[in-house]
Amino acid sequence: MSNNPIVLTVRFLLELAALAAMGYWGWTQHEGVLRVLLAVGLPLLAAVLWGVFRVSGYPNDALVEVPGIVRLLLEFAVFGGGVALLAAAGQRNAALVFGVVVVLHYIASYDYILAMLRAR
């Protein structure tokens, strides 16, 4: 199910939304140079980490192979961070909707989670 084009599209949009949430929090909750550093740097750091780590047996151009559980924890940190930072920025309804869509996505991608848990 996780390779379904609709599920993959939702996943991509969730990734973008998580990065946008990080940038939004940095921009709205800080001032001066820190505002720019967090609004740009935090999403950039998350995107770099997302792209650097991969799981053995899942072909992509990532640089570092990690066990599946590490990749899942990274994903949960990025998506959960997006939810938490939206809530911290006062966007509680957006955080709730985002969190529900993330959970529904992982329910629809149960086979992906199982594969990640088995991957060494």
Protein backbone atom coordinates (compact mmCIF):
# COMPACT_ATOMS: atom_id res chain seq x y z
CA MET A 1 0.00 0.00 0.00
CA SER A 2 2.86 2.40 0.75
CA ASN A 3 3.84 2.46 -2.95
CA ASN A 4 0.40 3.63 -4.00
CA PRO A 5 0.77 6.93 -5.91
CA ILE A 6 -1.78 8.64 -3.68
CA VAL A 7 0.03 7.55 -0.51
CA LEU A 8 3.36 8.65 -1.97
CA THR A 9 1.90 12.03 -2.93
CA VAL A 10 0.48 12.51 0.56
CA ARG A 11 3.85 11.56 2.03
CA PHE A 12 5.65 14.11 -0.14
CA LEU A 13 3.15 16.82 0.82
CA LEU A 14 3.59 15.91 4.49
CA GLU A 15 7.36 16.27 4.13
CA LEU A 16 6.92 19.72 2.61
CA ALA A 17 4.38 20.70 5.27
CA ALA A 18 6.75 19.63 8.06
CA LEU A 19 9.52 21.79 6.60
CA ALA A 20 7.11 24.70 6.17
CA ALA A 21 5.95 24.32 9.79
CA MET A 22 9.55 24.52 10.98
CA GLY A 23 10.17 27.64 8.93
CA TYR A 24 6.89 29.21 10.08
CA TRP A 25 7.78 28.64 13.73
CA GLY A 26 11.24 30.12 13.27
CA TRP A 27 9.86 33.17 11.50
CA THR A 28 6.94 33.89 13.81
CA GLN A 29 8.47 33.11 17.19
CA HIS A 30 11.78 34.92 16.95
CA GLU A 31 13.18 38.28 15.90
CA GLY A 32 16.22 39.66 14.16
CA VAL A 33 18.96 37.43 12.81
CA LEU A 34 17.72 34.45 14.84
CA ARG A 35 14.39 34.70 12.97
CA VAL A 36 16.11 34.24 9.61
CA LEU A 37 18.51 31.58 10.90
CA LEU A 38 15.71 29.45 12.32
CA ALA A 39 13.23 30.06 9.49
CA VAL A 40 15.79 28.93 6.93
CA GLY A 41 18.21 26.81 8.93
CA LEU A 42 15.83 24.51 10.77
CA PRO A 43 13.99 23.28 7.64
CA LEU A 44 17.30 23.04 5.81
CA LEU A 45 18.82 20.91 8.58
CA ALA A 46 15.76 18.63 8.62
CA ALA A 47 15.84 18.27 4.82
CA VAL A 48 19.55 17.43 4.86
CA LEU A 49 19.08 14.79 7.56
CA TRP A 50 16.09 13.39 5.66
CA GLY A 51 18.16 13.07 2.51
CA VAL A 52 21.38 11.79 4.05
CA PHE A 53 20.11 8.71 5.86
CA ARG A 54 18.68 5.68 4.08
CA VAL A 55 17.85 2.11 4.91
CA SER A 56 19.74 -0.77 3.35
CA GLY A 57 17.70 -2.34 0.58
CA TYR A 58 15.78 0.85 -0.19
CA PRO A 59 17.48 2.29 -3.24
CA ASN A 60 18.06 6.01 -3.30
CA ASP A 61 21.00 8.36 -3.43
CA ALA A 62 21.34 8.84 0.32
CA LEU A 63 24.84 8.86 1.75
CA VAL A 64 24.52 6.92 4.99
CA GLU A 65 22.84 3.56 5.57
CA VAL A 66 21.06 3.19 8.90
CA PRO A 67 18.80 0.53 10.42
CA GLY A 68 15.11 0.93 9.63
CA ILE A 69 14.24 1.91 13.19
CA VAL A 70 16.66 4.85 12.99
CA ARG A 71 15.00 6.02 9.79
CA LEU A 72 11.56 5.72 11.36
CA LEU A 73 12.71 7.71 14.40
CA LEU A 74 14.04 10.42 12.08
CA GLU A 75 10.72 10.53 10.25
CA PHE A 76 8.76 10.68 13.51
CA ALA A 77 11.04 13.49 14.71
CA VAL A 78 10.50 15.52 11.53
CA PHE A 79 6.74 14.98 11.38
CA GLY A 80 6.28 15.22 15.15
CA GLY A 81 8.47 18.31 15.20
CA GLY A 82 6.26 19.88 12.57
CA VAL A 83 3.19 19.20 14.68
CA ALA A 84 4.83 20.46 17.88
CA LEU A 85 6.21 23.60 16.27
CA LEU A 86 2.86 24.48 14.70
CA ALA A 87 1.26 24.15 18.12
CA ALA A 88 4.05 26.22 19.71
CA ALA A 89 3.46 28.94 17.10
CA GLY A 90 -0.19 29.12 18.13
CA GLN A 91 -1.54 27.19 15.15
CA ARG A 92 -3.24 24.49 17.19
CA ASN A 93 -5.88 23.60 14.60
CA ALA A 94 -3.26 23.28 11.87
CA ALA A 95 -1.14 21.15 14.22
CA LEU A 96 -4.10 18.90 14.94
CA VAL A 97 -4.96 18.46 11.26
CA PHE A 98 -1.33 17.86 10.36
CA GLY A 99 -0.94 15.31 13.14
CA VAL A 100 -4.09 13.43 12.12
CA VAL A 101 -2.98 13.29 8.48
CA VAL A 102 0.46 11.99 9.56
CA VAL A 103 -1.15 9.24 11.64
CA LEU A 104 -3.53 8.30 8.82
CA HIS A 105 -0.60 8.23 6.42
CA TYR A 106 1.32 5.80 8.62
CA ILE A 107 -1.78 3.64 9.04
CA ALA A 108 -2.09 3.48 5.24
CA SER A 109 1.66 2.73 5.06
CA TYR A 110 1.64 -0.11 7.59
CA ASP A 111 3.68 -2.25 5.18
CA TYR A 112 6.36 0.44 5.05
CA ILE A 113 6.57 0.55 8.86
CA LEU A 114 6.86 -3.23 9.05
CA ALA A 115 9.60 -3.22 6.41
CA MET A 116 11.48 -0.50 8.27
CA LEU A 117 11.26 -2.43 11.52
CA ARG A 118 12.68 -5.53 9.80
CA ALA A 119 15.45 -3.64 7.97
CA ARG A 120 18.89 -3.89 9.54
